[in-house]
Amino acid sequence: MGTVTGTTLLIYALIAVIALVILIAKFKLNPFITLVVVSVLLGFASGMPMGDIVKSFEAGVGGTLGHIALVIGLGTMLGKMMAESGGAERVALTLIDFFGEKNVHWAMVTIAFIVGLPVFFEVGFVLLVPIAFNVAKRTGTSMVLVGIPMVAGLSVVHGLIPPHPAALLAVSAYGADMGRTIMYALIVGIPTAAIAGPMFARLMDRYVDLPAINPLAEQLTEEAKEKHELPSFGITVFTILLPVILMLIGSWADLFTTPKTFANDFLKWIGNSVMALLIGTLVSFFTFGKARGFNRETILKFTNECVAPTAIITLVVGAGGGFGRVLRDSGISNAIVDVATSAHVSVLVLGWLVAVMIRIATGSATVAMTTAAGIVAPIAASIPGTRPELLVLTTGAGSLILSHVNDAGFWLVKEYFNMTVAQTFKTWSVAETLISVVALLLTLGLATIV
């Protein structure tokens, strides 16, 4: 913990964030190097012991990449197989046929809402991004119009709807009823996703011009070779949803089997996001590979090719995690939470406020939701008439606000969609803030009825 306290810490944090944005956006410095340098300087300024600064940064990088590097690697391989076999093209064509070319932004938010239910944001992102690239290419639309509804749909389910892990934790912390929480979350989540996704994307599409060439899109939208027919829609959807189904089975393992038995442990093991993606990727080698006439050498070539463009993304995402950890270890996160808890407001708004502060400080929606639930639960328990289900929603809404340079999601969106930092703020950061505010207002509205 640093020796500097209170307001000074908050000022340093603000300066650090502004410095990051200016150095990357204006001076075009490498985001990875910039994040490392600013994190170290922030550690010094906040009075952290010298020996702890690098350790703290390394721990943040390790903690973030331990999960995300595996997810990005496996998800990109699965995406590459889907692209090369023509599976992503098949899904894109089917969605375009069903929704019509003018409504592809509604198609993307719908599929993201469904796929996102059991999976972490990053997992849903790497599973769906090849389909988004293909839809954009087929319809000649921008990744703003196709990609922002996709990430908005994923984000809403990530923050609001159980059985998503963070929402599940908040349900148990507040002692909320699961069924009622899901019902309220859908009432609030569907209009929120519609406003922050397709409606907002349609507006921003006029103002944000992306480069014509996107190196990652080139990798993930290979035309299916003439001699191979496109895989069927059924096979493609089965392969992409297999990790999602396995994760659902894992999260519901206690309903099917007795806890602590081999069967229960096994279901949870295959339902772990890394195992589920590994199984899905291995299955794709058959459904998208061998079954489509590709030999082992070709499949190896595909999997090797697709990992190279993700290297810098993985580094930048890790560095964002390191920056978030320095914010926590220097005491800045606590200073932000103190500001939120000292504001005398209704418990529903307090849940939102505390989550907002932690989210802005740490960059992690999951950390924000789980930590805020821990802080607000005892306060809520002492206030009669609090609706715990609605408190889950306001806390979840707060955990999604203003994704910026210390959030892994920010860098994923920036790098995959080939945006500048400024464009990412205008689209993704504003969409996240819209989700947070709209969900809060809808939940407060719901509180007056139920």
Protein backbone atom coordinates (compact mmCIF):
# COMPACT_ATOMS: atom_id res chain seq x y z
CA MET A 1 0.00 0.00 0.00
CA GLY A 2 1.32 3.45 -0.87
CA THR A 3 2.15 6.23 1.61
CA VAL A 4 0.16 8.83 -0.35
CA THR A 5 -3.50 9.02 0.62
CA GLY A 6 -7.00 10.13 -0.34
CA THR A 7 -7.56 12.90 -2.85
CA THR A 8 -3.93 12.97 -4.00
CA LEU A 9 -4.16 9.30 -5.02
CA LEU A 10 -7.31 10.01 -7.04
CA ILE A 11 -5.58 12.92 -8.82
CA TYR A 12 -2.58 10.70 -9.67
CA ALA A 13 -4.90 8.02 -11.05
CA LEU A 14 -6.69 10.58 -13.21
CA ILE A 15 -3.35 11.96 -14.52
CA ALA A 16 -2.20 8.38 -15.31
CA VAL A 17 -5.33 7.60 -17.35
CA ILE A 18 -5.14 10.91 -19.25
CA ALA A 19 -1.41 10.33 -19.93
CA LEU A 20 -2.14 6.84 -21.31
CA VAL A 21 -4.80 8.14 -23.67
CA ILE A 22 -2.65 11.04 -24.95
CA LEU A 23 0.53 8.96 -25.39
CA ILE A 24 -1.25 6.18 -27.29
CA ALA A 25 -3.80 8.25 -29.23
CA LYS A 26 -1.85 11.43 -30.00
CA PHE A 27 1.81 10.35 -29.95
CA LYS A 28 1.09 6.87 -31.41
CA LEU A 29 3.27 5.08 -28.87
CA ASN A 30 3.04 1.30 -28.57
CA PRO A 31 0.14 0.60 -26.13
CA PHE A 32 1.99 -2.25 -24.40
CA ILE A 33 5.14 -0.19 -23.67
CA THR A 34 3.02 2.82 -22.65
CA LEU A 35 0.96 0.78 -20.18
CA VAL A 36 4.14 -0.63 -18.60
CA VAL A 37 5.80 2.81 -18.26
CA VAL A 38 2.70 4.61 -16.91
CA SER A 39 1.99 1.79 -14.42
CA VAL A 40 5.55 1.98 -13.05
CA LEU A 41 5.44 5.79 -12.78
CA LEU A 42 2.04 5.64 -11.06
CA GLY A 43 3.46 3.15 -8.56
CA PHE A 44 6.34 5.56 -7.79
CA ALA A 45 4.03 8.59 -7.49
CA SER A 46 1.62 6.81 -5.16
CA GLY A 47 4.46 5.89 -2.79
CA MET A 48 4.55 2.12 -3.34
CA PRO A 49 7.86 0.52 -2.21
CA MET A 50 10.14 0.23 -5.27
CA GLY A 51 10.45 -3.53 -4.97
CA ASP A 52 6.67 -3.94 -4.99
CA ILE A 53 5.90 -1.90 -8.12
CA VAL A 54 7.16 -4.38 -10.71
CA LYS A 55 5.91 -7.34 -8.63
CA SER A 56 2.44 -5.79 -8.53
CA PHE A 57 2.47 -5.16 -12.30
CA GLU A 58 3.70 -8.70 -13.02
CA ALA A 59 1.00 -10.18 -10.77
CA GLY A 60 -1.65 -8.19 -12.65
CA VAL A 61 -0.34 -9.31 -16.04
CA GLY A 62 -0.12 -12.93 -14.87
CA GLY A 63 -3.57 -12.89 -13.30
CA THR A 64 -5.15 -11.47 -16.45
CA LEU A 65 -3.25 -13.56 -19.00
CA GLY A 66 -3.49 -16.83 -17.08
CA HIS A 67 -7.08 -17.02 -18.31
CA ILE A 68 -7.24 -14.69 -21.30
CA ALA A 69 -4.14 -15.91 -23.21
CA LEU A 70 -5.60 -19.43 -23.26
CA VAL A 71 -9.04 -18.16 -24.22
CA ILE A 72 -7.70 -15.94 -27.05
CA GLY A 73 -5.45 -18.74 -28.37
CA LEU A 74 -8.09 -21.48 -28.39
CA GLY A 75 -10.92 -19.18 -29.46
CA THR A 76 -8.89 -17.80 -32.38
CA MET A 77 -8.03 -21.33 -33.57
CA LEU A 78 -11.70 -22.32 -33.42
CA GLY A 79 -12.57 -19.09 -35.28
CA LYS A 80 -9.91 -19.77 -37.93
CA MET A 81 -11.25 -23.30 -38.52
CA MET A 82 -14.76 -21.88 -38.80
CA ALA A 83 -13.54 -19.24 -41.29
CA GLU A 84 -11.47 -21.63 -43.46
CA SER A 85 -14.24 -24.24 -43.68
CA GLY A 86 -16.79 -21.59 -44.62
CA GLY A 87 -18.72 -22.10 -41.36
CA ALA A 88 -18.58 -18.42 -40.40
CA GLU A 89 -19.77 -17.58 -43.90
CA ARG A 90 -22.65 -20.07 -43.55
CA VAL A 91 -23.79 -18.49 -40.24
CA ALA A 92 -23.41 -15.00 -41.73
CA LEU A 93 -25.49 -15.91 -44.79
CA THR A 94 -28.19 -17.56 -42.67
CA LEU A 95 -28.42 -14.57 -40.30
CA ILE A 96 -28.51 -12.13 -43.24
CA ASP A 97 -31.28 -14.20 -44.90
CA PHE A 98 -33.32 -14.38 -41.72
CA PHE A 99 -32.97 -10.79 -40.51
CA GLY A 100 -32.43 -9.10 -43.90
CA GLU A 101 -29.36 -7.05 -44.88
CA LYS A 102 -30.78 -3.88 -43.33
CA ASN A 103 -31.11 -5.54 -39.91
CA VAL A 104 -27.73 -7.26 -39.49
CA HIS A 105 -27.07 -5.14 -36.38
CA TRP A 106 -30.17 -6.72 -34.77
CA ALA A 107 -28.94 -10.17 -35.84
CA MET A 108 -25.61 -9.64 -34.06
CA VAL A 109 -27.09 -8.44 -30.77
CA THR A 110 -29.46 -11.43 -30.77
CA ILE A 111 -26.77 -14.06 -31.32
CA ALA A 112 -24.48 -12.35 -28.77
CA PHE A 113 -27.26 -12.39 -26.16
CA ILE A 114 -27.69 -16.16 -26.60
CA VAL A 115 -24.01 -17.17 -26.87
CA GLY A 116 -23.00 -14.79 -24.06
CA LEU A 117 -25.23 -16.34 -21.39
CA PRO A 118 -22.82 -18.85 -19.86
CA VAL A 119 -19.48 -17.51 -21.12
CA PHE A 120 -17.18 -14.71 -20.01
CA PHE A 121 -17.12 -11.66 -22.26
CA GLU A 122 -13.72 -12.55 -23.76
CA VAL A 123 -14.82 -16.10 -24.62
CA GLY A 124 -18.01 -14.91 -26.32
CA PHE A 125 -16.00 -12.27 -28.15
CA VAL A 126 -13.49 -14.66 -29.72
CA LEU A 127 -16.25 -17.13 -30.61
CA LEU A 128 -18.39 -14.53 -32.40
CA VAL A 129 -15.83 -12.19 -33.97
CA PRO A 130 -15.31 -14.35 -37.13
CA ILE A 131 -19.08 -14.28 -37.73
CA ALA A 132 -19.11 -10.48 -37.25
CA PHE A 133 -16.24 -10.08 -39.76
CA ASN A 134 -18.12 -12.24 -42.28
CA VAL A 135 -21.43 -10.41 -41.81
CA ALA A 136 -19.66 -7.05 -42.28
CA LYS A 137 -17.87 -8.30 -45.42
CA ARG A 138 -21.01 -9.87 -46.96
CA THR A 139 -23.21 -6.82 -46.39
CA GLY A 140 -20.52 -4.20 -47.03
CA THR A 141 -21.16 -2.63 -43.62
CA SER A 142 -18.68 -1.30 -41.07
CA MET A 143 -17.49 -3.20 -37.99
CA VAL A 144 -19.06 -0.35 -36.01
CA LEU A 145 -22.55 -1.34 -37.18
CA VAL A 146 -21.95 -5.09 -36.80
CA GLY A 147 -19.42 -5.28 -33.96
CA ILE A 148 -20.84 -2.80 -31.43
CA PRO A 149 -24.24 -4.62 -31.19
CA MET A 150 -22.31 -7.86 -30.70
CA VAL A 151 -20.19 -6.53 -27.82
CA ALA A 152 -23.22 -4.76 -26.29
CA GLY A 153 -25.19 -8.03 -26.26
CA LEU A 154 -22.26 -9.89 -24.68
CA SER A 155 -21.74 -7.13 -22.12
CA VAL A 156 -25.38 -6.97 -20.98
CA VAL A 157 -25.52 -10.70 -20.26
CA HIS A 158 -22.08 -10.52 -18.63
CA GLY A 159 -23.20 -7.91 -16.12
CA LEU A 160 -26.89 -8.58 -15.53
CA ILE A 161 -28.05 -12.11 -16.18
CA PRO A 162 -27.37 -15.25 -14.13
CA PRO A 163 -26.06 -17.97 -14.73
CA HIS A 164 -23.22 -15.61 -15.63
CA PRO A 165 -20.53 -16.09 -12.93
CA ALA A 166 -20.38 -12.48 -11.64
CA ALA A 167 -24.17 -12.16 -11.52
CA LEU A 168 -24.38 -15.55 -9.78
CA LEU A 169 -21.98 -14.36 -7.09
CA ALA A 170 -24.05 -11.23 -6.51
CA VAL A 171 -27.23 -13.35 -6.27
CA SER A 172 -25.71 -15.37 -3.43
CA ALA A 173 -24.12 -12.33 -1.71
CA TYR A 174 -27.45 -10.48 -1.59
CA GLY A 175 -29.53 -13.60 -0.91
CA ALA A 176 -31.64 -12.94 -4.03
CA ASP A 177 -34.08 -15.39 -5.64
CA MET A 178 -32.48 -16.83 -8.78
CA GLY A 179 -35.64 -17.21 -10.90
CA ARG A 180 -36.89 -13.72 -10.08
CA THR A 181 -33.45 -12.21 -10.75
CA ILE A 182 -33.33 -13.83 -14.21
CA MET A 183 -36.87 -12.59 -15.00
CA TYR A 184 -36.10 -8.99 -13.92
CA ALA A 185 -32.71 -9.15 -15.70
CA LEU A 186 -34.42 -10.04 -18.99
CA ILE A 187 -37.02 -7.26 -18.54
CA VAL A 188 -34.17 -4.76 -18.03
CA GLY A 189 -31.49 -6.40 -20.22
CA ILE A 190 -33.34 -6.76 -23.54
CA PRO A 191 -34.26 -3.06 -23.98
CA THR A 192 -30.82 -2.05 -22.63
CA ALA A 193 -29.04 -4.21 -25.22
CA ALA A 194 -31.30 -2.83 -27.97
CA ILE A 195 -30.53 0.81 -27.07
CA ALA A 196 -26.77 0.45 -26.45
CA GLY A 197 -26.28 -2.04 -29.31
CA PRO A 198 -28.14 -1.67 -32.64
CA MET A 199 -29.64 1.80 -32.01
CA PHE A 200 -26.37 3.35 -30.78
CA ALA A 201 -24.33 1.55 -33.48
CA ARG A 202 -26.63 2.89 -36.21
CA LEU A 203 -25.97 6.43 -34.92
CA MET A 204 -22.18 6.03 -34.51
CA ASP A 205 -21.76 4.35 -37.88
CA ARG A 206 -22.14 7.81 -39.47
CA TYR A 207 -19.30 9.34 -37.45
CA VAL A 208 -16.62 6.63 -37.18
CA ASP A 209 -14.68 5.59 -40.29
CA LEU A 210 -12.51 2.49 -39.91
CA PRO A 211 -9.56 1.57 -42.20
CA ALA A 212 -10.54 -0.49 -45.27
CA ILE A 213 -8.02 -3.24 -44.46
CA ASN A 214 -8.17 -5.11 -41.13
CA PRO A 215 -5.37 -7.73 -40.85
CA LEU A 216 -7.32 -9.90 -38.37
CA ALA A 217 -10.49 -9.78 -40.45
CA GLU A 218 -8.41 -11.01 -43.41
CA GLN A 219 -7.35 -14.02 -41.30
CA LEU A 220 -10.86 -14.82 -40.13
CA THR A 221 -12.84 -14.30 -43.35
CA GLU A 222 -11.00 -16.59 -45.74
CA GLU A 223 -13.30 -17.45 -48.64
CA ALA A 224 -14.27 -21.12 -48.42
CA LYS A 225 -12.34 -22.88 -51.16
CA GLU A 226 -14.38 -23.72 -54.26
CA LYS A 227 -13.87 -27.48 -53.96
CA HIS A 228 -15.29 -27.54 -50.44
CA GLU A 229 -18.98 -27.00 -49.94
CA LEU A 230 -19.94 -24.80 -47.00
CA PRO A 231 -20.63 -26.82 -43.86
CA SER A 232 -24.30 -27.01 -42.87
CA PHE A 233 -25.76 -24.39 -40.54
CA GLY A 234 -26.54 -27.14 -37.99
CA ILE A 235 -22.96 -28.48 -37.84
CA THR A 236 -21.52 -24.96 -37.63
CA VAL A 237 -23.87 -23.85 -34.83
CA PHE A 238 -23.27 -27.13 -32.96
CA THR A 239 -19.48 -26.63 -33.11
CA ILE A 240 -19.56 -22.99 -32.00
CA LEU A 241 -22.14 -23.65 -29.27
CA LEU A 242 -20.37 -26.78 -27.97
CA PRO A 243 -18.12 -24.78 -25.57
CA VAL A 244 -21.17 -22.76 -24.51
CA ILE A 245 -23.20 -25.95 -23.81
CA LEU A 246 -20.29 -27.50 -21.87
CA MET A 247 -19.98 -24.35 -19.71
CA LEU A 248 -23.72 -24.42 -18.98
CA ILE A 249 -23.50 -28.09 -18.00
CA GLY A 250 -20.53 -27.23 -15.75
CA SER A 251 -22.36 -24.39 -14.02
CA TRP A 252 -25.45 -26.59 -13.45
CA ALA A 253 -23.45 -29.69 -12.44
CA ASP A 254 -24.85 -29.62 -8.89
CA LEU A 255 -28.40 -29.96 -10.26
CA PHE A 256 -27.62 -33.16 -12.18
CA THR A 257 -25.13 -34.84 -9.82
CA THR A 258 -24.21 -35.02 -6.16
CA PRO A 259 -21.47 -32.52 -5.25
CA LYS A 260 -17.98 -33.90 -4.56
CA THR A 261 -18.62 -37.09 -6.61
CA PHE A 262 -16.54 -38.07 -9.66
CA ALA A 263 -19.42 -37.29 -12.05
CA ASN A 264 -19.89 -33.83 -10.48
CA ASP A 265 -16.15 -33.06 -10.62
CA PHE A 266 -16.00 -34.28 -14.23
CA LEU A 267 -18.92 -32.07 -15.37
CA LYS A 268 -17.35 -29.04 -13.69
CA TRP A 269 -13.99 -29.88 -15.26
CA ILE A 270 -15.31 -30.04 -18.84
CA GLY A 271 -17.41 -26.94 -18.05
CA ASN A 272 -14.32 -24.86 -17.19
CA SER A 273 -14.01 -22.22 -19.93
CA VAL A 274 -10.52 -23.33 -21.01
CA MET A 275 -11.46 -27.05 -21.14
CA ALA A 276 -14.73 -26.28 -22.94
CA LEU A 277 -12.89 -24.21 -25.57
CA LEU A 278 -10.19 -26.89 -25.92
CA ILE A 279 -12.85 -29.56 -26.54
CA GLY A 280 -14.67 -27.25 -28.99
CA THR A 281 -11.41 -26.54 -30.87
CA LEU A 282 -10.54 -30.26 -31.08
CA VAL A 283 -14.05 -31.03 -32.37
CA SER A 284 -13.66 -28.22 -34.96
CA PHE A 285 -10.55 -29.99 -36.34
CA PHE A 286 -12.98 -32.73 -37.38
CA THR A 287 -16.22 -30.86 -38.23
CA PHE A 288 -14.50 -27.90 -39.94
CA GLY A 289 -11.29 -29.73 -40.90
CA LYS A 290 -11.27 -33.42 -41.75
CA ALA A 291 -15.00 -33.51 -42.67
CA ARG A 292 -14.39 -30.65 -45.12
CA GLY A 293 -11.46 -32.44 -46.78
CA PHE A 294 -8.53 -30.66 -45.07
CA ASN A 295 -5.55 -32.84 -44.12
CA ARG A 296 -3.51 -32.61 -40.90
CA GLU A 297 -0.78 -30.43 -42.44
CA THR A 298 -3.38 -27.89 -43.60
CA ILE A 299 -5.08 -27.82 -40.19
CA LEU A 300 -1.67 -27.29 -38.54
CA LYS A 301 -0.95 -24.44 -40.99
CA PHE A 302 -4.31 -22.77 -40.15
CA THR A 303 -3.75 -22.98 -36.38
CA ASN A 304 -0.19 -21.60 -36.69
CA GLU A 305 -1.22 -18.75 -39.01
CA CYS A 306 -4.00 -17.39 -36.85
CA VAL A 307 -2.08 -17.09 -33.58
CA ALA A 308 0.54 -14.57 -34.82
CA PRO A 309 -1.84 -11.57 -35.17
CA THR A 310 -3.13 -12.13 -31.61
CA ALA A 311 0.33 -11.82 -29.97
CA ILE A 312 0.26 -8.02 -29.54
CA ILE A 313 -3.39 -8.15 -28.43
CA THR A 314 -2.48 -10.67 -25.74
CA LEU A 315 0.43 -8.50 -24.51
CA VAL A 316 -1.68 -5.33 -24.43
CA VAL A 317 -4.55 -7.06 -22.61
CA GLY A 318 -2.05 -8.36 -20.04
CA ALA A 319 -0.50 -4.92 -19.57
CA GLY A 320 -4.00 -3.50 -18.98
CA GLY A 321 -4.37 -6.09 -16.20
CA GLY A 322 -1.01 -4.98 -14.77
CA PHE A 323 -2.13 -1.35 -14.73
CA GLY A 324 -5.36 -2.36 -12.95
CA ARG A 325 -3.37 -4.27 -10.32
CA VAL A 326 -1.09 -1.26 -9.64
CA LEU A 327 -4.25 0.85 -9.13
CA ARG A 328 -5.44 -1.70 -6.57
CA ASP A 329 -2.14 -2.26 -4.73
CA SER A 330 -1.36 1.47 -4.49
CA GLY A 331 -4.61 2.03 -2.57
CA ILE A 332 -6.28 4.01 -5.37
CA SER A 333 -9.14 1.52 -5.71
CA ASN A 334 -9.92 1.81 -1.98
CA ALA A 335 -9.86 5.61 -2.17
CA ILE A 336 -12.42 5.46 -5.00
CA VAL A 337 -14.67 3.06 -3.06
CA ASP A 338 -14.54 5.35 0.00
CA VAL A 339 -15.86 8.21 -2.12
CA ALA A 340 -18.80 6.05 -3.27
CA THR A 341 -19.74 4.66 0.15
CA SER A 342 -19.66 8.06 1.86
CA ALA A 343 -22.37 9.34 -0.51
CA HIS A 344 -25.70 9.03 1.33
CA VAL A 345 -28.03 7.54 -1.28
CA SER A 346 -30.64 4.78 -1.67
CA VAL A 347 -29.22 1.27 -1.39
CA LEU A 348 -30.03 0.45 -5.06
CA VAL A 349 -28.10 3.52 -6.23
CA LEU A 350 -25.33 2.78 -3.69
CA GLY A 351 -24.85 -0.71 -5.19
CA TRP A 352 -24.51 0.94 -8.60
CA LEU A 353 -22.16 3.70 -7.34
CA VAL A 354 -19.76 1.38 -5.53
CA ALA A 355 -19.59 -0.92 -8.57
CA VAL A 356 -19.03 2.13 -10.84
CA MET A 357 -16.09 3.31 -8.74
CA ILE A 358 -14.46 -0.13 -8.59
CA ARG A 359 -15.00 -0.69 -12.33
CA ILE A 360 -13.36 2.63 -13.25
CA ALA A 361 -10.48 1.90 -10.88
CA THR A 362 -9.78 -1.74 -11.73
CA GLY A 363 -11.16 -2.15 -15.26
CA SER A 364 -12.78 -5.49 -14.43
CA ALA A 365 -16.57 -5.85 -14.47
CA THR A 366 -16.29 -9.16 -12.58
CA VAL A 367 -14.08 -7.66 -9.85
CA ALA A 368 -16.38 -4.61 -9.64
CA MET A 369 -19.54 -6.69 -9.28
CA THR A 370 -18.18 -9.20 -6.78
CA THR A 371 -16.36 -6.60 -4.63
CA ALA A 372 -19.31 -4.18 -4.64
CA ALA A 373 -21.69 -7.01 -3.64
CA GLY A 374 -19.38 -7.79 -0.70
CA ILE A 375 -19.32 -4.13 0.41
CA VAL A 376 -23.04 -3.37 -0.07
CA ALA A 377 -24.59 -6.67 1.13
CA PRO A 378 -24.23 -5.92 4.89
CA ILE A 379 -25.57 -2.37 4.36
CA ALA A 380 -28.54 -3.73 2.35
CA ALA A 381 -29.27 -6.38 4.99
CA SER A 382 -29.68 -3.66 7.64
CA ILE A 383 -32.20 -1.67 5.54
CA PRO A 384 -35.73 -3.14 5.52
CA GLY A 385 -37.63 -3.35 2.22
CA THR A 386 -34.57 -3.75 -0.01
CA ARG A 387 -35.27 -5.92 -3.07
CA PRO A 388 -32.14 -8.11 -3.39
CA GLU A 389 -32.98 -9.11 -7.02
CA LEU A 390 -33.03 -5.46 -8.10
CA LEU A 391 -29.83 -4.82 -6.14
CA VAL A 392 -28.12 -7.55 -8.22
CA LEU A 393 -29.17 -5.62 -11.35
CA THR A 394 -28.03 -2.17 -10.21
CA THR A 395 -24.69 -3.59 -9.02
CA GLY A 396 -24.27 -5.41 -12.34
CA ALA A 397 -25.16 -2.23 -14.25
CA GLY A 398 -22.56 -0.25 -12.31
CA SER A 399 -19.89 -2.86 -13.04
CA LEU A 400 -20.17 -2.21 -16.79
CA ILE A 401 -19.69 1.57 -16.92
CA LEU A 402 -16.98 3.41 -18.89
CA SER A 403 -14.64 0.66 -20.02
CA HIS A 404 -11.31 2.41 -20.61
CA VAL A 405 -7.56 1.75 -20.87
CA ASN A 406 -7.30 -0.53 -17.82
CA ASP A 407 -9.95 -2.98 -19.12
CA ALA A 408 -9.03 -6.03 -21.18
CA GLY A 409 -12.29 -5.64 -23.14
CA PHE A 410 -11.26 -2.14 -24.30
CA TRP A 411 -8.09 -3.47 -25.95
CA LEU A 412 -9.83 -6.53 -27.43
CA VAL A 413 -12.39 -4.28 -29.16
CA LYS A 414 -9.74 -1.77 -30.25
CA GLU A 415 -7.35 -4.33 -31.74
CA TYR A 416 -9.85 -6.73 -33.33
CA PHE A 417 -12.00 -3.95 -34.83
CA ASN A 418 -8.85 -2.06 -35.94
CA MET A 419 -9.88 1.18 -34.21
CA THR A 420 -7.83 4.04 -32.79
CA VAL A 421 -7.99 4.69 -29.04
CA ALA A 422 -10.23 7.72 -29.71
CA GLN A 423 -12.62 5.64 -31.85
CA THR A 424 -12.74 2.93 -29.18
CA PHE A 425 -13.74 5.54 -26.58
CA LYS A 426 -16.43 6.96 -28.88
CA THR A 427 -17.97 3.56 -29.62
CA TRP A 428 -17.19 0.88 -27.03
CA SER A 429 -16.68 3.08 -23.93
CA VAL A 430 -19.86 5.07 -24.67
CA ALA A 431 -21.84 1.87 -25.38
CA GLU A 432 -20.74 0.43 -22.01
CA THR A 433 -21.73 3.66 -20.23
CA LEU A 434 -25.10 3.63 -22.00
CA ILE A 435 -25.69 0.04 -20.85
CA SER A 436 -24.84 1.03 -17.27
CA VAL A 437 -27.06 4.12 -17.12
CA VAL A 438 -30.02 2.68 -19.07
CA ALA A 439 -30.02 -0.51 -16.96
CA LEU A 440 -29.89 1.57 -13.75
CA LEU A 441 -32.82 3.77 -14.85
CA LEU A 442 -34.91 0.79 -15.99
CA THR A 443 -34.21 -1.03 -12.71
CA LEU A 444 -35.18 2.03 -10.66
CA GLY A 445 -38.35 2.23 -12.78
CA LEU A 446 -39.03 -1.45 -12.12
CA ALA A 447 -38.52 -0.85 -8.37
CA THR A 448 -41.54 1.49 -8.36
CA ILE A 449 -43.77 -1.27 -9.83
CA VAL A 450 -42.71 -4.54 -8.14
